[in-house]
């Protein structure tokens, strides 16, 4: 029997609730498919910050290095500024373990109504590959004359050939496994260095994949086309910031953030990859047992695929599809009235 060590960071708000239910789904699937997940839970996040003035302990990254994967809930608190939670927990993990790919699929499932008129199930089926360790989130810059009338803030993005090429090449490989269609997102008409490098590398790498049909779109045009004609997209590769923006749009046109899964992937198998839904901690509904657990559950399936347990991963995805199609035990954001727990239990009942 295969066994895997999973570091669980429930995080804040509804993260604790949806992680709890997703782990039940994982355990049920593991029993059916003859493998075992050994969890160790860490109470890092905003509560830890209030007590220790930091989001995780000094040796937190060293602790995580011993695990096969990291299963994260949601992080954020209204009393803590977002840059603290981001730079105190998420970004250090992504950078330490070289999780340079943020993989975010978006599918319009049967039983889910898109806010876009006339979209049928399956007509939106795309995945955004977001560069995850540099770009606009590199946090390079500083303040001058801080808190004075002449205050200056300088923010620099960092694009390297290595970082740009590897995420673009990953996207081409993914496109080869899907519909052989790849769209690059750029803004080289305004960002004359970083995006010019991005475009140049994309053009160079494309020569190694003559079977893949390519397109390059400015970010503003891409945002419009995600709404006007989302069916045109299959694999999309974007920088850190542009990928973040586009995946929120993709989530909303396929049923909302309650269905949006995500994986932070390292190609080095000696590093743990981290899996988290794209939604926030939603403190306004914390503790009410009404949060949608399906994004966390679909994220769990992504984690199992990464670990090589593809049969179990597919069974979880199929169970979620059944729940959405039958519209049985859905939470309020999807038009139902079920609790978080009831929704997860319905997924478990449909596992093959």
Protein backbone atom coordinates (compact mmCIF):
# COMPACT_ATOMS: atom_id res chain seq x y z
CA UNK A 1 0.00 0.00 0.00
CA UNK A 2 1.34 3.42 -0.99
CA UNK A 3 1.49 6.04 1.77
CA UNK A 4 1.89 9.79 1.45
CA UNK A 5 2.79 12.47 3.99
CA UNK A 6 0.48 15.46 3.62
CA UNK A 7 1.05 18.77 5.41
CA UNK A 8 -2.36 20.29 6.07
CA UNK A 9 -2.62 24.05 6.63
CA UNK A 10 -6.33 24.80 7.11
CA UNK A 11 -5.57 28.52 7.42
CA UNK A 12 -8.26 31.03 8.21
CA UNK A 13 -12.01 31.49 8.05
CA UNK A 14 -13.83 28.92 5.95
CA UNK A 15 -10.50 27.31 5.11
CA UNK A 16 -10.75 25.24 8.27
CA UNK A 17 -14.25 24.05 7.36
CA UNK A 18 -13.66 23.13 3.73
CA UNK A 19 -10.32 21.46 4.45
CA UNK A 20 -11.94 19.30 7.11
CA UNK A 21 -14.59 18.10 4.67
CA UNK A 22 -12.15 17.65 1.78
CA UNK A 23 -9.95 15.44 3.96
CA UNK A 24 -12.98 13.22 4.59
CA UNK A 25 -13.41 12.87 0.84
CA UNK A 26 -9.71 12.12 0.44
CA UNK A 27 -9.79 9.46 3.12
CA UNK A 28 -12.83 7.77 1.62
CA UNK A 29 -11.20 7.72 -1.81
CA UNK A 30 -7.94 6.42 -0.33
CA UNK A 31 -9.71 3.50 1.32
CA UNK A 32 -11.44 2.57 -1.92
CA UNK A 33 -8.20 2.75 -3.88
CA UNK A 34 -5.81 1.12 -1.40
CA UNK A 35 -3.48 3.92 -0.43
CA UNK A 36 -3.07 5.98 2.73
CA UNK A 37 -2.71 9.69 3.43
CA UNK A 38 -0.87 10.55 6.63
CA UNK A 39 -1.79 14.08 7.64
CA UNK A 40 0.00 16.49 9.93
CA UNK A 41 -1.90 19.68 10.57
CA UNK A 42 -0.33 23.10 11.18
CA UNK A 43 -2.27 26.02 12.65
CA UNK A 44 -0.32 28.62 10.67
CA UNK A 45 -2.06 31.70 9.37
CA UNK A 46 -3.77 34.69 10.91
CA UNK A 47 -4.37 33.17 14.35
CA UNK A 48 -0.68 32.28 14.50
CA UNK A 49 0.16 35.84 13.42
CA UNK A 50 -1.88 37.41 16.20
CA UNK A 51 0.06 35.37 18.75
CA UNK A 52 3.53 35.47 17.20
CA UNK A 53 3.59 38.46 14.80
CA UNK A 54 4.44 36.08 11.97
CA UNK A 55 2.36 33.80 9.74
CA UNK A 56 4.42 30.66 10.39
CA UNK A 57 7.40 29.71 12.56
CA UNK A 58 10.96 30.48 11.50
CA UNK A 59 11.58 26.84 10.62
CA UNK A 60 8.24 26.43 8.85
CA UNK A 61 9.73 25.88 5.40
CA UNK A 62 12.15 23.31 6.78
CA UNK A 63 9.25 21.46 8.38
CA UNK A 64 7.28 21.41 5.12
CA UNK A 65 10.22 20.06 3.13
CA UNK A 66 9.66 16.59 4.63
CA UNK A 67 6.18 16.19 3.09
CA UNK A 68 4.99 14.82 -0.23
CA UNK A 69 2.44 17.61 -0.69
CA UNK A 70 0.91 20.59 1.08
CA UNK A 71 -2.87 20.90 1.33
CA UNK A 72 -3.85 24.49 2.08
CA UNK A 73 -7.22 26.04 2.86
CA UNK A 74 -7.62 29.81 2.68
CA UNK A 75 -5.52 32.54 4.23
CA UNK A 76 -6.62 36.05 5.15
CA UNK A 77 -8.14 38.13 7.92
CA UNK A 78 -9.81 41.57 7.77
CA UNK A 79 -7.50 42.85 10.52
CA UNK A 80 -4.31 41.87 8.67
CA UNK A 81 -3.28 43.54 5.43
CA UNK A 82 -3.11 41.17 2.47
CA UNK A 83 0.57 41.82 1.75
CA UNK A 84 1.41 40.45 5.19
CA UNK A 85 -0.50 37.21 4.73
CA UNK A 86 0.82 36.79 1.19
CA UNK A 87 4.46 37.51 1.93
CA UNK A 88 4.38 35.76 5.29
CA UNK A 89 3.12 32.37 4.16
CA UNK A 90 2.12 31.76 0.54
CA UNK A 91 4.95 33.39 -1.39
CA UNK A 92 7.76 31.96 0.78
CA UNK A 93 6.34 28.46 0.26
CA UNK A 94 6.02 28.92 -3.50
CA UNK A 95 9.55 30.26 -3.82
CA UNK A 96 11.30 27.91 -1.41
CA UNK A 97 9.96 24.83 -3.18
CA UNK A 98 10.23 26.36 -6.66
CA UNK A 99 6.51 25.99 -7.33
CA UNK A 100 6.83 28.00 -10.52
CA UNK A 101 3.55 26.80 -12.06
CA UNK A 102 0.18 27.84 -10.71
CA UNK A 103 -2.26 25.55 -12.51
CA UNK A 104 -5.88 26.74 -12.51
CA UNK A 105 -8.50 24.85 -14.54
CA UNK A 106 -11.97 26.24 -15.22
CA UNK A 107 -14.77 24.04 -16.56
CA UNK A 108 -18.47 24.78 -16.99
CA UNK A 109 -19.96 21.60 -15.53
CA UNK A 110 -23.41 20.22 -16.25
CA UNK A 111 -25.86 21.57 -13.69
CA UNK A 112 -23.99 24.84 -13.27
CA UNK A 113 -25.33 28.00 -14.85
CA UNK A 114 -22.86 30.47 -16.27
CA UNK A 115 -23.65 34.20 -15.97
CA UNK A 116 -22.86 34.33 -19.68
CA UNK A 117 -25.95 33.90 -21.82
CA UNK A 118 -26.24 30.77 -23.92
CA UNK A 119 -23.23 28.86 -22.61
CA UNK A 120 -23.78 25.11 -22.44
CA UNK A 121 -21.95 22.58 -20.24
CA UNK A 122 -18.49 21.82 -21.57
CA UNK A 123 -18.35 24.87 -23.82
CA UNK A 124 -15.92 26.45 -21.36
CA UNK A 125 -13.02 24.13 -20.60
CA UNK A 126 -9.75 25.97 -20.18
CA UNK A 127 -6.72 25.97 -17.95
CA UNK A 128 -4.56 28.95 -17.07
CA UNK A 129 -0.88 28.36 -16.39
CA UNK A 130 0.22 31.24 -14.21
CA UNK A 131 3.89 31.98 -13.61
CA UNK A 132 4.19 31.70 -9.86
CA UNK A 133 7.58 32.77 -8.50
CA UNK A 134 8.62 36.04 -10.12
CA UNK A 135 7.02 38.63 -12.42
CA UNK A 136 4.91 41.35 -10.86
CA UNK A 137 4.79 39.60 -7.47
CA UNK A 138 8.57 39.69 -7.00
CA UNK A 139 8.12 42.46 -4.39
CA UNK A 140 11.17 44.42 -5.48
CA UNK A 141 11.08 48.14 -4.73
CA UNK A 142 10.73 50.47 -1.80
CA UNK A 143 9.58 53.77 -0.37
CA UNK A 144 11.30 57.13 -0.36
CA UNK A 145 10.14 60.06 1.79
CA UNK A 146 7.64 57.70 3.41
CA UNK A 147 4.68 59.44 5.06
CA UNK A 148 5.76 62.85 3.72
CA UNK A 149 4.04 64.93 1.05
CA UNK A 150 6.64 63.87 -1.52
CA UNK A 151 6.30 60.17 -0.75
CA UNK A 152 7.49 57.88 -3.55
CA UNK A 153 6.71 54.20 -4.02
CA UNK A 154 8.73 52.17 -6.53
CA UNK A 155 7.53 48.71 -7.53
CA UNK A 156 9.56 46.63 -9.97
CA UNK A 157 8.60 43.39 -11.67
CA UNK A 158 11.24 40.74 -12.32
CA UNK A 159 11.22 38.61 -15.47
CA UNK A 160 14.07 36.22 -16.13
CA UNK A 161 14.66 34.18 -19.25
CA UNK A 162 14.83 31.03 -17.12
CA UNK A 163 11.56 31.77 -15.30
CA UNK A 164 9.75 32.84 -18.44
CA UNK A 165 10.96 29.98 -20.62
CA UNK A 166 10.20 27.17 -18.19
CA UNK A 167 6.59 28.24 -17.56
CA UNK A 168 6.00 28.75 -21.28
CA UNK A 169 7.52 25.36 -22.09
CA UNK A 170 5.36 23.73 -19.39
CA UNK A 171 2.33 25.30 -21.08
CA UNK A 172 3.30 23.98 -24.49
CA UNK A 173 3.69 20.49 -23.03
CA UNK A 174 0.26 20.77 -21.43
CA UNK A 175 -1.23 21.98 -24.72
CA UNK A 176 0.21 18.90 -26.43
CA UNK A 177 -1.76 16.75 -23.99
CA UNK A 178 -4.99 18.69 -24.58
CA UNK A 179 -6.17 20.38 -27.77
CA UNK A 180 -2.81 21.62 -29.08
CA UNK A 181 -3.88 25.23 -28.68
CA UNK A 182 -2.03 27.81 -26.55
CA UNK A 183 -2.65 31.50 -25.92
CA UNK A 184 0.02 33.77 -24.45
CA UNK A 185 -1.05 36.85 -22.48
CA UNK A 186 1.10 39.94 -22.82
CA UNK A 187 1.19 43.74 -22.61
CA UNK A 188 4.32 44.55 -24.53
CA UNK A 189 2.83 47.74 -25.94
CA UNK A 190 3.05 49.24 -22.43
CA UNK A 191 5.69 47.13 -20.68
CA UNK A 192 8.56 47.51 -23.09
CA UNK A 193 11.07 45.28 -21.33
CA UNK A 194 9.40 42.55 -19.27
CA UNK A 195 6.67 41.71 -21.76
CA UNK A 196 8.97 42.10 -24.74
CA UNK A 197 11.16 39.40 -23.19
CA UNK A 198 8.03 37.30 -22.57
CA UNK A 199 6.94 37.64 -26.21
CA UNK A 200 10.40 36.85 -27.51
CA UNK A 201 10.73 33.70 -25.42
CA UNK A 202 7.22 32.57 -26.37
CA UNK A 203 8.08 32.93 -30.05
CA UNK A 204 11.34 31.04 -29.63
CA UNK A 205 9.83 28.15 -27.66
CA UNK A 206 6.92 27.83 -30.10
CA UNK A 207 9.39 26.67 -32.77
CA UNK A 208 9.91 23.48 -30.77
CA UNK A 209 6.16 22.74 -30.88
CA UNK A 210 5.05 23.08 -34.51
CA UNK A 211 1.90 21.02 -33.79
CA UNK A 212 0.57 23.62 -31.35
CA UNK A 213 -1.58 26.47 -32.64
CA UNK A 214 -0.56 29.68 -30.87
CA UNK A 215 -2.02 33.10 -30.27
CA UNK A 216 -0.85 36.16 -28.35
CA UNK A 217 -3.29 38.56 -26.74
CA UNK A 218 -2.91 41.76 -24.77
CA UNK A 219 -4.26 41.37 -21.24
CA UNK A 220 -7.09 43.84 -21.77
CA UNK A 221 -8.24 42.04 -24.93
CA UNK A 222 -7.92 38.70 -23.15
CA UNK A 223 -10.17 39.89 -20.32
CA UNK A 224 -12.80 40.91 -22.84
CA UNK A 225 -12.52 37.65 -24.79
CA UNK A 226 -12.78 35.52 -21.65
CA UNK A 227 -16.28 36.99 -21.43
CA UNK A 228 -17.14 37.41 -25.12
CA UNK A 229 -15.89 34.06 -26.42
CA UNK A 230 -14.42 31.86 -23.66
CA UNK A 231 -14.84 28.75 -25.81
CA UNK A 232 -11.93 29.98 -27.95
CA UNK A 233 -9.47 29.26 -25.12
CA UNK A 234 -7.88 25.98 -24.09
CA UNK A 235 -4.44 26.44 -22.47
CA UNK A 236 -3.50 29.98 -21.50
CA UNK A 237 -0.09 31.04 -20.18
CA UNK A 238 0.30 34.30 -18.32
CA UNK A 239 2.55 36.18 -15.95
CA UNK A 240 1.93 36.19 -12.21
CA UNK A 241 -0.35 39.23 -12.18
CA UNK A 242 -2.13 38.62 -15.47
CA UNK A 243 -2.77 34.99 -14.56
CA UNK A 244 -4.25 36.04 -11.24
CA UNK A 245 -6.67 38.43 -12.94
CA UNK A 246 -7.74 36.04 -15.68
CA UNK A 247 -8.39 33.11 -13.36
CA UNK A 248 -10.83 35.14 -11.29
CA UNK A 249 -12.76 35.91 -14.47
CA UNK A 250 -12.57 32.26 -15.54
CA UNK A 251 -13.91 31.16 -12.16
CA UNK A 252 -16.86 33.52 -12.26
CA UNK A 253 -17.99 32.49 -15.74
CA UNK A 254 -17.93 28.79 -14.74
CA UNK A 255 -19.90 28.96 -11.51
CA UNK A 256 -17.88 31.06 -9.10
CA UNK A 257 -14.90 30.73 -6.80
CA UNK A 258 -16.62 27.89 -4.97
CA UNK A 259 -15.60 25.60 -7.86
CA UNK A 260 -12.14 27.02 -8.57
CA UNK A 261 -9.29 24.63 -7.80
CA UNK A 262 -5.60 25.38 -7.99
CA UNK A 263 -2.20 23.74 -7.71
CA UNK A 264 1.22 25.29 -7.10
CA UNK A 265 3.45 22.83 -8.92
CA UNK A 266 7.15 22.13 -8.62
CA UNK A 267 8.64 19.94 -11.32
CA UNK A 268 11.32 18.85 -8.85
CA UNK A 269 9.73 15.87 -7.11
CA UNK A 270 12.03 16.34 -4.12
CA UNK A 271 9.98 19.46 -3.38
CA UNK A 272 6.40 19.33 -2.13
CA UNK A 273 3.83 20.98 -4.36
CA UNK A 274 1.03 22.93 -2.70
CA UNK A 275 -2.68 22.67 -3.48
CA UNK A 276 -5.20 25.35 -2.55
CA UNK A 277 -8.54 26.63 -3.86
CA UNK A 278 -8.53 30.13 -5.31
CA UNK A 279 -11.23 31.49 -3.02
CA UNK A 280 -10.54 33.54 0.08
CA UNK A 281 -11.22 32.95 3.75
CA UNK A 282 -14.71 34.54 3.63
CA UNK A 283 -14.77 35.62 7.29
CA UNK A 284 -18.38 36.79 6.94
CA UNK A 285 -19.59 33.17 6.75
CA UNK A 286 -16.96 31.56 8.95
CA UNK A 287 -18.38 29.00 11.37
CA UNK A 288 -21.81 28.85 9.72
CA UNK A 289 -21.18 25.56 7.89
CA UNK A 290 -22.49 27.01 4.62
CA UNK A 291 -19.25 27.42 2.62
CA UNK A 292 -18.98 25.56 -0.65
CA UNK A 293 -16.41 22.73 -0.20
CA UNK A 294 -16.27 21.71 -3.87
CA UNK A 295 -13.29 23.93 -4.80
CA UNK A 296 -11.28 22.38 -1.97
CA UNK A 297 -12.45 18.90 -2.99
CA UNK A 298 -11.52 19.47 -6.64
CA UNK A 299 -8.18 20.77 -5.38
CA UNK A 300 -7.80 17.50 -3.47
CA UNK A 301 -8.27 15.66 -6.76
CA UNK A 302 -5.49 17.77 -8.30
CA UNK A 303 -3.22 16.76 -5.42
CA UNK A 304 -3.95 13.08 -5.94
CA UNK A 305 -3.20 13.38 -9.66
CA UNK A 306 0.14 14.97 -8.82
CA UNK A 307 0.90 12.10 -6.42
CA UNK A 308 0.14 9.60 -9.16
CA UNK A 309 -3.19 8.36 -7.75
CA UNK A 310 -5.05 9.11 -10.97
CA UNK A 311 -7.89 6.62 -10.53
CA UNK A 312 -8.78 8.10 -7.14
CA UNK A 313 -8.46 11.63 -8.50
CA UNK A 314 -10.77 10.89 -11.41
CA UNK A 315 -13.32 9.25 -9.09
CA UNK A 316 -13.47 12.42 -6.99
CA UNK A 317 -13.95 14.59 -10.07
CA UNK A 318 -16.70 12.31 -11.33
CA UNK A 319 -18.43 12.38 -7.95
CA UNK A 320 -18.37 16.19 -7.97
CA UNK A 321 -19.82 16.18 -11.49
CA UNK A 322 -22.68 13.95 -10.34
CA UNK A 323 -23.47 16.23 -7.41
CA UNK A 324 -23.51 19.25 -9.72
CA UNK A 325 -25.54 17.51 -12.41
CA UNK A 326 -28.20 16.21 -10.01
CA UNK A 327 -28.10 19.47 -8.03
CA UNK A 328 -28.50 17.42 -4.89
CA UNK A 329 -27.02 18.85 -1.67
CA UNK A 330 -25.53 22.00 -3.18
CA UNK A 331 -24.62 25.00 -1.05
CA UNK A 332 -26.35 28.36 -1.32
CA UNK A 333 -23.85 29.91 -3.74
CA UNK A 334 -24.91 27.28 -6.29
CA UNK A 335 -28.62 27.70 -5.63
CA UNK A 336 -29.03 24.96 -3.01
CA UNK A 337 -29.58 24.98 0.72
CA UNK A 338 -27.19 22.25 1.93
CA UNK A 339 -24.50 22.73 4.53
CA UNK A 340 -20.79 22.36 3.89
CA UNK A 341 -20.86 18.97 5.58
CA UNK A 342 -23.91 17.74 3.66
CA UNK A 343 -22.39 18.73 0.32
CA UNK A 344 -19.15 16.87 1.08
CA UNK A 345 -21.09 13.82 2.28
CA UNK A 346 -22.96 13.78 -1.02
CA UNK A 347 -19.67 13.72 -2.88
CA UNK A 348 -18.50 10.78 -0.74
CA UNK A 349 -21.73 8.89 -1.44
CA UNK A 350 -21.04 9.15 -5.18
CA UNK A 351 -17.42 7.99 -5.09
CA UNK A 352 -16.76 4.89 -7.19
